[in-house]
Amino acid sequence: MFDRTVLPNGLRVLSSTMPHTRSVSVGIFVGAGSRYENDPISGASHYLEHVLFKGTEKRPEPQLISGAIESVGGAMNASTDREATVYYAKVARVHFPLALDVLSDMVLHPLFAEHEIERERGVIIEELAMTYDQPDAYVDMLIDEALWPEQAMGRDIGGTRETVSAISRQALIDYHQIQYVPGNVVVAVAGNVEHEEVLNLVGEQFGAWPTGNPLTMEPVNLNLGGPTVSLGNKKTDQAHICLALNGVSAEAEDRYAL
């Protein structure tokens, strides 16, 4: 059971009180993913996720971000998908204010240090190369391209070597300013906390966040025109096969049968 509140600036706050626990998990969900990107900035959402861990005005070194959580026995991470980027941390109950402070600092005040951006560019290009080295990951990418050809839904979330190589520091700053706005964000907290406490702390961190007009997701074109086969050849000892078909809406009566 969640308590829900929308702050005056449009930020949505969800909390679930779990008094039997001794920990708190915090997640900041941003409407930023590959379906919001056009071709020239393909991979920007994932790239930005990496950069936000590399320093803020308050914590200018990467280790000051991760160390703040890990030094109290907590854990933090992030992930990017087609429709959202999430930053999350889990800490002991007493360190809930710290976890929220660190995550809000990353989201609101990234430093965008040039040398860190260039370093992460190389890291991401290596990650993309690993996809082609792993047949099970590569076939997942091929099935997406076959299902949703020539559109954002079918692109690799991380972009391509070419697009990641071309994304500038200013492009990341611009994308952050457009997409990271309160009306496009949900803060979710679960653990041994009360909703009023969550609201007070979230209000302190995010209450002054100015509103904006984020990009909308690219719609999905489901018109394949018939059965489609996509083949990628690698000299391995195994064959990896994906079979996919259209399903039904999450709200359809047939969803359970499916």
C-alpha atoms as a PDB file:
ATOM      1  CA  MET A   1       0.000   0.000   0.000  1.00  0.00           C
ATOM      2  CA  PHE A   2       1.492   3.303  -1.127  1.00  0.00           C
ATOM      3  CA  ASP A   3       0.806   6.836   0.005  1.00  0.00           C
ATOM      4  CA  ARG A   4       0.924   9.263  -2.907  1.00  0.00           C
ATOM      5  CA  THR A   5       1.429  13.012  -2.973  1.00  0.00           C
ATOM      6  CA  VAL A   6       2.134  15.430  -5.813  1.00  0.00           C
ATOM      7  CA  LEU A   7       4.245  18.439  -4.835  1.00  0.00           C
ATOM      8  CA  PRO A   8       3.353  21.912  -6.182  1.00  0.00           C
ATOM      9  CA  ASN A   9       6.090  21.662  -8.825  1.00  0.00           C
ATOM     10  CA  GLY A  10       4.628  18.394 -10.153  1.00  0.00           C
ATOM     11  CA  LEU A  11       7.050  15.951  -8.503  1.00  0.00           C
ATOM     12  CA  ARG A  12       5.257  12.752  -7.508  1.00  0.00           C
ATOM     13  CA  VAL A  13       6.175  11.198  -4.163  1.00  0.00           C
ATOM     14  CA  LEU A  14       5.273   7.620  -3.275  1.00  0.00           C
ATOM     15  CA  SER A  15       6.051   5.931   0.024  1.00  0.00           C
ATOM     16  CA  SER A  16       5.281   2.594   1.629  1.00  0.00           C
ATOM     17  CA  THR A  17       5.584   2.246   5.413  1.00  0.00           C
ATOM     18  CA  MET A  18       7.080  -1.119   6.400  1.00  0.00           C
ATOM     19  CA  PRO A  19       7.550  -0.944  10.198  1.00  0.00           C
ATOM     20  CA  HIS A  20       8.948  -4.475  10.444  1.00  0.00           C
ATOM     21  CA  THR A  21      12.061  -3.511   8.452  1.00  0.00           C
ATOM     22  CA  ARG A  22      15.291  -1.888   9.595  1.00  0.00           C
ATOM     23  CA  SER A  23      16.220  -0.459   6.224  1.00  0.00           C
ATOM     24  CA  VAL A  24      14.962   2.035   3.682  1.00  0.00           C
ATOM     25  CA  SER A  25      15.126   1.887  -0.109  1.00  0.00           C
ATOM     26  CA  VAL A  26      14.945   5.078  -2.156  1.00  0.00           C
ATOM     27  CA  GLY A  27      14.383   5.275  -5.892  1.00  0.00           C
ATOM     28  CA  ILE A  28      14.328   8.316  -8.163  1.00  0.00           C
ATOM     29  CA  PHE A  29      12.605   7.462 -11.440  1.00  0.00           C
ATOM     30  CA  VAL A  30      13.148   9.843 -14.366  1.00  0.00           C
ATOM     31  CA  GLY A  31      11.280   9.758 -17.655  1.00  0.00           C
ATOM     32  CA  ALA A  32      14.483   9.497 -19.663  1.00  0.00           C
ATOM     33  CA  GLY A  33      15.265   6.561 -21.924  1.00  0.00           C
ATOM     34  CA  SER A  34      15.929   5.586 -25.510  1.00  0.00           C
ATOM     35  CA  ARG A  35      12.324   6.286 -26.599  1.00  0.00           C
ATOM     36  CA  TYR A  36      12.846   9.974 -25.827  1.00  0.00           C
ATOM     37  CA  GLU A  37      15.949  10.287 -28.005  1.00  0.00           C
ATOM     38  CA  ASN A  38      16.297  11.141 -31.669  1.00  0.00           C
ATOM     39  CA  ASP A  39      18.944   9.461 -33.806  1.00  0.00           C
ATOM     40  CA  PRO A  40      21.799  11.994 -33.281  1.00  0.00           C
ATOM     41  CA  ILE A  41      21.642  11.637 -29.465  1.00  0.00           C
ATOM     42  CA  SER A  42      20.846   7.926 -29.361  1.00  0.00           C
ATOM     43  CA  GLY A  43      22.307   6.642 -26.090  1.00  0.00           C
ATOM     44  CA  ALA A  44      22.187  10.008 -24.283  1.00  0.00           C
ATOM     45  CA  SER A  45      19.953   8.759 -21.446  1.00  0.00           C
ATOM     46  CA  HIS A  46      22.343   5.913 -20.633  1.00  0.00           C
ATOM     47  CA  TYR A  47      25.378   8.160 -21.052  1.00  0.00           C
ATOM     48  CA  LEU A  48      23.866  10.718 -18.678  1.00  0.00           C
ATOM     49  CA  GLU A  49      23.221   8.005 -16.094  1.00  0.00           C
ATOM     50  CA  HIS A  50      26.950   7.246 -16.054  1.00  0.00           C
ATOM     51  CA  VAL A  51      27.937  10.912 -15.846  1.00  0.00           C
ATOM     52  CA  LEU A  52      25.701  11.647 -12.857  1.00  0.00           C
ATOM     53  CA  PHE A  53      27.827   9.295 -10.750  1.00  0.00           C
ATOM     54  CA  LYS A  54      31.006  11.203 -11.617  1.00  0.00           C
ATOM     55  CA  GLY A  55      30.678  14.274  -9.434  1.00  0.00           C
ATOM     56  CA  THR A  56      28.392  17.031  -8.211  1.00  0.00           C
ATOM     57  CA  GLU A  57      28.982  20.560  -6.989  1.00  0.00           C
ATOM     58  CA  LYS A  58      28.805  19.277  -3.403  1.00  0.00           C
ATOM     59  CA  ARG A  59      30.668  16.015  -4.062  1.00  0.00           C
ATOM     60  CA  PRO A  60      33.079  16.802  -6.913  1.00  0.00           C
ATOM     61  CA  GLU A  61      34.792  13.387  -7.012  1.00  0.00           C
ATOM     62  CA  PRO A  62      33.064  10.086  -7.920  1.00  0.00           C
ATOM     63  CA  GLN A  63      34.293   8.369  -4.755  1.00  0.00           C
ATOM     64  CA  LEU A  64      32.575  11.028  -2.649  1.00  0.00           C
ATOM     65  CA  ILE A  65      29.249   9.906  -4.104  1.00  0.00           C
ATOM     66  CA  SER A  66      29.636   6.149  -3.833  1.00  0.00           C
ATOM     67  CA  GLY A  67      31.663   6.432  -0.627  1.00  0.00           C
ATOM     68  CA  ALA A  68      28.924   8.377   1.136  1.00  0.00           C
ATOM     69  CA  ILE A  69      26.571   5.403   0.824  1.00  0.00           C
ATOM     70  CA  GLU A  70      29.058   2.547   1.039  1.00  0.00           C
ATOM     71  CA  SER A  71      30.751   3.969   4.139  1.00  0.00           C
ATOM     72  CA  VAL A  72      27.520   3.403   6.106  1.00  0.00           C
ATOM     73  CA  GLY A  73      27.016  -0.118   4.738  1.00  0.00           C
ATOM     74  CA  GLY A  74      24.539   0.875   2.057  1.00  0.00           C
ATOM     75  CA  ALA A  75      24.363   0.106  -1.645  1.00  0.00           C
ATOM     76  CA  MET A  76      23.481   2.246  -4.633  1.00  0.00           C
ATOM     77  CA  ASN A  77      23.201   1.863  -8.378  1.00  0.00           C
ATOM     78  CA  ALA A  78      21.246   2.975 -11.437  1.00  0.00           C
ATOM     79  CA  SER A  79      19.831   1.607 -14.672  1.00  0.00           C
ATOM     80  CA  THR A  80      18.467   2.946 -17.938  1.00  0.00           C
ATOM     81  CA  ASP A  81      15.739   1.421 -20.078  1.00  0.00           C
ATOM     82  CA  ARG A  82      13.634   2.583 -23.002  1.00  0.00           C
ATOM     83  CA  GLU A  83      11.214   4.633 -20.916  1.00  0.00           C
ATOM     84  CA  ALA A  84      12.957   5.471 -17.634  1.00  0.00           C
ATOM     85  CA  THR A  85      16.221   5.924 -15.785  1.00  0.00           C
ATOM     86  CA  VAL A  86      16.235   4.997 -12.106  1.00  0.00           C
ATOM     87  CA  TYR A  87      18.760   5.909  -9.410  1.00  0.00           C
ATOM     88  CA  TYR A  88      18.397   3.928  -6.201  1.00  0.00           C
ATOM     89  CA  ALA A  89      19.961   3.291  -2.821  1.00  0.00           C
ATOM     90  CA  LYS A  90      19.326   1.003   0.139  1.00  0.00           C
ATOM     91  CA  VAL A  91      20.553   1.950   3.612  1.00  0.00           C
ATOM     92  CA  ALA A  92      19.865   1.315   7.272  1.00  0.00           C
ATOM     93  CA  ARG A  93      16.877   3.260   8.599  1.00  0.00           C
ATOM     94  CA  VAL A  94      19.005   5.862  10.364  1.00  0.00           C
ATOM     95  CA  HIS A  95      20.753   6.788   7.101  1.00  0.00           C
ATOM     96  CA  PHE A  96      17.606   7.512   5.068  1.00  0.00           C
ATOM     97  CA  PRO A  97      18.263  11.311   5.006  1.00  0.00           C
ATOM     98  CA  LEU A  98      21.783  10.683   3.722  1.00  0.00           C
ATOM     99  CA  ALA A  99      20.585   8.397   0.916  1.00  0.00           C
ATOM    100  CA  LEU A 100      18.032  10.943  -0.240  1.00  0.00           C
ATOM    101  CA  ASP A 101      20.607  13.730  -0.046  1.00  0.00           C
ATOM    102  CA  VAL A 102      23.118  11.838  -2.194  1.00  0.00           C
ATOM    103  CA  LEU A 103      20.585  10.799  -4.843  1.00  0.00           C
ATOM    104  CA  SER A 104      19.012  14.255  -5.054  1.00  0.00           C
ATOM    105  CA  ASP A 105      22.461  15.818  -5.301  1.00  0.00           C
ATOM    106  CA  MET A 106      23.293  13.606  -8.283  1.00  0.00           C
ATOM    107  CA  VAL A 107      20.029  14.314 -10.076  1.00  0.00           C
ATOM    108  CA  LEU A 108      19.912  18.065  -9.426  1.00  0.00           C
ATOM    109  CA  HIS A 109      23.559  19.190  -9.394  1.00  0.00           C
ATOM    110  CA  PRO A 110      25.785  17.082 -11.679  1.00  0.00           C
ATOM    111  CA  LEU A 111      29.184  18.609 -12.340  1.00  0.00           C
ATOM    112  CA  PHE A 112      29.565  17.483 -15.981  1.00  0.00           C
ATOM    113  CA  ALA A 113      33.355  17.480 -15.661  1.00  0.00           C
ATOM    114  CA  GLU A 114      34.855  17.244 -19.152  1.00  0.00           C
ATOM    115  CA  HIS A 115      37.488  14.646 -18.234  1.00  0.00           C
ATOM    116  CA  GLU A 116      34.878  12.402 -16.596  1.00  0.00           C
ATOM    117  CA  ILE A 117      32.599  12.649 -19.620  1.00  0.00           C
ATOM    118  CA  GLU A 118      35.443  11.598 -21.918  1.00  0.00           C
ATOM    119  CA  ARG A 119      36.417   8.749 -19.598  1.00  0.00           C
ATOM    120  CA  GLU A 120      32.853   7.440 -19.526  1.00  0.00           C
ATOM    121  CA  ARG A 121      32.596   7.730 -23.288  1.00  0.00           C
ATOM    122  CA  GLY A 122      35.274   5.050 -23.567  1.00  0.00           C
ATOM    123  CA  VAL A 123      33.603   2.903 -20.887  1.00  0.00           C
ATOM    124  CA  ILE A 124      30.262   2.982 -22.704  1.00  0.00           C
ATOM    125  CA  ILE A 125      31.811   2.200 -26.091  1.00  0.00           C
ATOM    126  CA  GLU A 126      33.428  -0.851 -24.488  1.00  0.00           C
ATOM    127  CA  GLU A 127      30.047  -1.874 -23.051  1.00  0.00           C
ATOM    128  CA  LEU A 128      28.495  -1.624 -26.511  1.00  0.00           C
ATOM    129  CA  ALA A 129      31.289  -3.739 -27.985  1.00  0.00           C
ATOM    130  CA  MET A 130      30.632  -6.436 -25.371  1.00  0.00           C
ATOM    131  CA  THR A 131      27.086  -6.820 -26.720  1.00  0.00           C
ATOM    132  CA  TYR A 132      28.462  -7.952 -30.065  1.00  0.00           C
ATOM    133  CA  ASP A 133      30.886 -10.317 -28.343  1.00  0.00           C
ATOM    134  CA  GLN A 134      28.098 -12.131 -26.467  1.00  0.00           C
ATOM    135  CA  PRO A 135      25.736 -14.037 -28.785  1.00  0.00           C
ATOM    136  CA  ASP A 136      22.925 -14.157 -26.201  1.00  0.00           C
ATOM    137  CA  ALA A 137      23.015 -10.363 -25.842  1.00  0.00           C
ATOM    138  CA  TYR A 138      23.404  -9.832 -29.587  1.00  0.00           C
ATOM    139  CA  VAL A 139      20.340 -11.931 -30.443  1.00  0.00           C
ATOM    140  CA  ASP A 140      18.281  -9.872 -27.991  1.00  0.00           C
ATOM    141  CA  MET A 141      19.298  -6.769 -29.900  1.00  0.00           C
ATOM    142  CA  LEU A 142      18.474  -8.371 -33.246  1.00  0.00           C
ATOM    143  CA  ILE A 143      14.965  -9.335 -32.132  1.00  0.00           C
ATOM    144  CA  ASP A 144      14.281  -5.773 -31.004  1.00  0.00           C
ATOM    145  CA  GLU A 145      15.397  -4.430 -34.372  1.00  0.00           C
ATOM    146  CA  ALA A 146      13.208  -7.008 -36.144  1.00  0.00           C
ATOM    147  CA  LEU A 147      10.120  -6.204 -34.057  1.00  0.00           C
ATOM    148  CA  TRP A 148      10.474  -2.413 -34.221  1.00  0.00           C
ATOM    149  CA  PRO A 149      12.560  -1.537 -37.294  1.00  0.00           C
ATOM    150  CA  GLU A 150      13.833   2.014 -37.867  1.00  0.00           C
ATOM    151  CA  GLN A 151      12.412   3.457 -34.643  1.00  0.00           C
ATOM    152  CA  ALA A 152      13.530   4.193 -31.103  1.00  0.00           C
ATOM    153  CA  MET A 153      11.863   1.119 -29.620  1.00  0.00           C
ATOM    154  CA  GLY A 154      14.108  -1.113 -31.714  1.00  0.00           C
ATOM    155  CA  ARG A 155      17.396   0.665 -31.023  1.00  0.00           C
ATOM    156  CA  ASP A 156      19.997  -0.417 -28.502  1.00  0.00           C
ATOM    157  CA  ILE A 157      19.384   1.535 -25.280  1.00  0.00           C
ATOM    158  CA  GLY A 158      23.075   2.432 -25.134  1.00  0.00           C
ATOM    159  CA  GLY A 159      23.113   3.858 -28.655  1.00  0.00           C
ATOM    160  CA  THR A 160      25.873   3.023 -31.125  1.00  0.00           C
ATOM    161  CA  ARG A 161      29.611   3.584 -31.192  1.00  0.00           C
ATOM    162  CA  GLU A 162      29.033   6.412 -33.671  1.00  0.00           C
ATOM    163  CA  THR A 163      26.346   8.245 -31.689  1.00  0.00           C
ATOM    164  CA  VAL A 164      28.119   7.896 -28.346  1.00  0.00           C
ATOM    165  CA  SER A 165      31.343   9.146 -29.926  1.00  0.00           C
ATOM    166  CA  ALA A 166      29.510  12.213 -31.244  1.00  0.00           C
ATOM    167  CA  ILE A 167      27.472  13.234 -28.160  1.00  0.00           C
ATOM    168  CA  SER A 168      28.991  16.417 -26.743  1.00  0.00           C
ATOM    169  CA  ARG A 169      29.158  17.673 -23.176  1.00  0.00           C
ATOM    170  CA  GLN A 170      26.713  20.433 -24.079  1.00  0.00           C
ATOM    171  CA  ALA A 171      24.281  17.908 -25.567  1.00  0.00           C
ATOM    172  CA  LEU A 172      24.271  16.020 -22.251  1.00  0.00           C
ATOM    173  CA  ILE A 173      23.736  19.260 -20.314  1.00  0.00           C
ATOM    174  CA  ASP A 174      20.878  20.266 -22.625  1.00  0.00           C
ATOM    175  CA  TYR A 175      19.239  16.839 -22.376  1.00  0.00           C
ATOM    176  CA  HIS A 176      19.521  16.926 -18.578  1.00  0.00           C
ATOM    177  CA  GLN A 177      17.913  20.381 -18.419  1.00  0.00           C
ATOM    178  CA  ILE A 178      15.023  19.314 -20.641  1.00  0.00           C
ATOM    179  CA  GLN A 179      14.288  15.835 -19.303  1.00  0.00           C
ATOM    180  CA  TYR A 180      15.230  16.068 -15.623  1.00  0.00           C
ATOM    181  CA  VAL A 181      12.330  18.231 -14.436  1.00  0.00           C
ATOM    182  CA  PRO A 182       9.979  17.533 -11.491  1.00  0.00           C
ATOM    183  CA  GLY A 183       6.874  16.777 -13.546  1.00  0.00           C
ATOM    184  CA  ASN A 184       8.835  13.979 -15.232  1.00  0.00           C
ATOM    185  CA  VAL A 185      10.105  12.375 -12.018  1.00  0.00           C
ATOM    186  CA  VAL A 186       8.808  10.049  -9.307  1.00  0.00           C
ATOM    187  CA  VAL A 187      10.519   9.655  -5.927  1.00  0.00           C
ATOM    188  CA  ALA A 188       9.634   6.344  -4.271  1.00  0.00           C
ATOM    189  CA  VAL A 189      10.581   5.297  -0.738  1.00  0.00           C
ATOM    190  CA  ALA A 190       9.891   2.013   1.018  1.00  0.00           C
ATOM    191  CA  GLY A 191      10.900   0.961   4.525  1.00  0.00           C
ATOM    192  CA  ASN A 192      10.525   1.904   8.153  1.00  0.00           C
ATOM    193  CA  VAL A 193       9.476   5.499   7.423  1.00  0.00           C
ATOM    194  CA  GLU A 194       6.271   7.515   7.637  1.00  0.00           C
ATOM    195  CA  HIS A 195       4.881   9.367   4.643  1.00  0.00           C
ATOM    196  CA  GLU A 196       5.034  12.754   6.380  1.00  0.00           C
ATOM    197  CA  GLU A 197       8.747  12.309   7.065  1.00  0.00           C
ATOM    198  CA  VAL A 198       9.310  11.363   3.431  1.00  0.00           C
ATOM    199  CA  LEU A 199       7.373  14.407   2.236  1.00  0.00           C
ATOM    200  CA  ASN A 200       9.319  16.746   4.506  1.00  0.00           C
ATOM    201  CA  LEU A 201      12.710  15.495   3.357  1.00  0.00           C
ATOM    202  CA  VAL A 202      11.751  15.291  -0.317  1.00  0.00           C
ATOM    203  CA  GLY A 203      10.329  18.809  -0.096  1.00  0.00           C
ATOM    204  CA  GLU A 204      13.580  20.106   1.354  1.00  0.00           C
ATOM    205  CA  GLN A 205      15.626  18.542  -1.451  1.00  0.00           C
ATOM    206  CA  PHE A 206      13.310  18.985  -4.443  1.00  0.00           C
ATOM    207  CA  GLY A 207      10.780  21.663  -3.497  1.00  0.00           C
ATOM    208  CA  ALA A 208      12.619  24.494  -5.271  1.00  0.00           C
ATOM    209  CA  TRP A 209      13.227  22.453  -8.452  1.00  0.00           C
ATOM    210  CA  PRO A 210      11.871  24.545 -11.352  1.00  0.00           C
ATOM    211  CA  THR A 211       9.323  23.031 -13.709  1.00  0.00           C
ATOM    212  CA  GLY A 212       9.889  22.314 -17.380  1.00  0.00           C
ATOM    213  CA  ASN A 213       8.501  20.697 -20.517  1.00  0.00           C
ATOM    214  CA  PRO A 214      10.187  17.340 -21.115  1.00  0.00           C
ATOM    215  CA  LEU A 215      10.294  15.517 -24.407  1.00  0.00           C
ATOM    216  CA  THR A 216       7.608  12.918 -25.073  1.00  0.00           C
ATOM    217  CA  MET A 217       8.223   9.291 -25.961  1.00  0.00           C
ATOM    218  CA  GLU A 218       8.358   8.317 -29.614  1.00  0.00           C
ATOM    219  CA  PRO A 219       5.229   6.252 -30.437  1.00  0.00           C
ATOM    220  CA  VAL A 220       5.647   2.636 -31.449  1.00  0.00           C
ATOM    221  CA  ASN A 221       4.908   1.497 -34.995  1.00  0.00           C
ATOM    222  CA  LEU A 222       3.662  -2.112 -34.872  1.00  0.00           C
ATOM    223  CA  ASN A 223       3.162  -2.500 -38.620  1.00  0.00           C
ATOM    224  CA  LEU A 224       5.741  -5.125 -39.542  1.00  0.00           C
ATOM    225  CA  GLY A 225       3.932  -6.134 -42.714  1.00  0.00           C
ATOM    226  CA  GLY A 226       4.508  -9.839 -42.149  1.00  0.00           C
ATOM    227  CA  PRO A 227       6.914 -12.354 -40.576  1.00  0.00           C
ATOM    228  CA  THR A 228      10.457 -11.037 -40.258  1.00  0.00           C
ATOM    229  CA  VAL A 229      13.748 -12.882 -39.826  1.00  0.00           C
ATOM    230  CA  SER A 230      16.964 -11.241 -38.650  1.00  0.00           C
ATOM    231  CA  LEU A 231      20.231 -13.178 -38.707  1.00  0.00           C
ATOM    232  CA  GLY A 232      23.577 -12.382 -37.135  1.00  0.00           C
ATOM    233  CA  ASN A 233      26.485 -14.685 -37.910  1.00  0.00           C
ATOM    234  CA  LYS A 234      29.274 -15.393 -35.422  1.00  0.00           C
ATOM    235  CA  LYS A 235      31.735 -18.274 -35.396  1.00  0.00           C
ATOM    236  CA  THR A 236      30.621 -19.899 -32.137  1.00  0.00           C
ATOM    237  CA  ASP A 237      29.705 -23.423 -31.063  1.00  0.00           C
ATOM    238  CA  GLN A 238      26.116 -22.492 -30.223  1.00  0.00           C
ATOM    239  CA  ALA A 239      23.092 -21.024 -31.968  1.00  0.00           C
ATOM    240  CA  HIS A 240      20.967 -18.510 -30.073  1.00  0.00           C
ATOM    241  CA  ILE A 241      17.363 -18.114 -31.199  1.00  0.00           C
ATOM    242  CA  CYS A 242      14.729 -15.557 -30.194  1.00  0.00           C
ATOM    243  CA  LEU A 243      11.077 -15.858 -31.218  1.00  0.00           C
ATOM    244  CA  ALA A 244       8.802 -12.888 -30.595  1.00  0.00           C
ATOM    245  CA  LEU A 245       5.236 -11.846 -31.358  1.00  0.00           C
ATOM    246  CA  ASN A 246       2.917  -9.063 -30.367  1.00  0.00           C
ATOM    247  CA  GLY A 247       1.123  -9.504 -27.045  1.00  0.00           C
ATOM    248  CA  VAL A 248      -1.857  -7.705 -25.553  1.00  0.00           C
ATOM    249  CA  SER A 249      -2.299  -4.587 -23.460  1.00  0.00           C
ATOM    250  CA  ALA A 250      -1.466  -4.780 -19.759  1.00  0.00           C
ATOM    251  CA  GLU A 251      -5.116  -3.857 -19.207  1.00  0.00           C
ATOM    252  CA  ALA A 252      -6.631  -6.368 -21.649  1.00  0.00           C
ATOM    253  CA  GLU A 253      -8.929  -9.125 -20.373  1.00  0.00           C
ATOM    254  CA  ASP A 254      -6.741 -11.713 -22.101  1.00  0.00           C
ATOM    255  CA  ARG A 255      -3.576 -10.704 -20.261  1.00  0.00           C
ATOM    256  CA  TYR A 256      -3.784 -13.591 -17.779  1.00  0.00           C
ATOM    257  CA  ALA A 257      -4.377 -16.153 -20.512  1.00  0.00           C
ATOM    258  CA  LEU A 258      -1.374 -14.781 -22.357  1.00  0.00           C
END
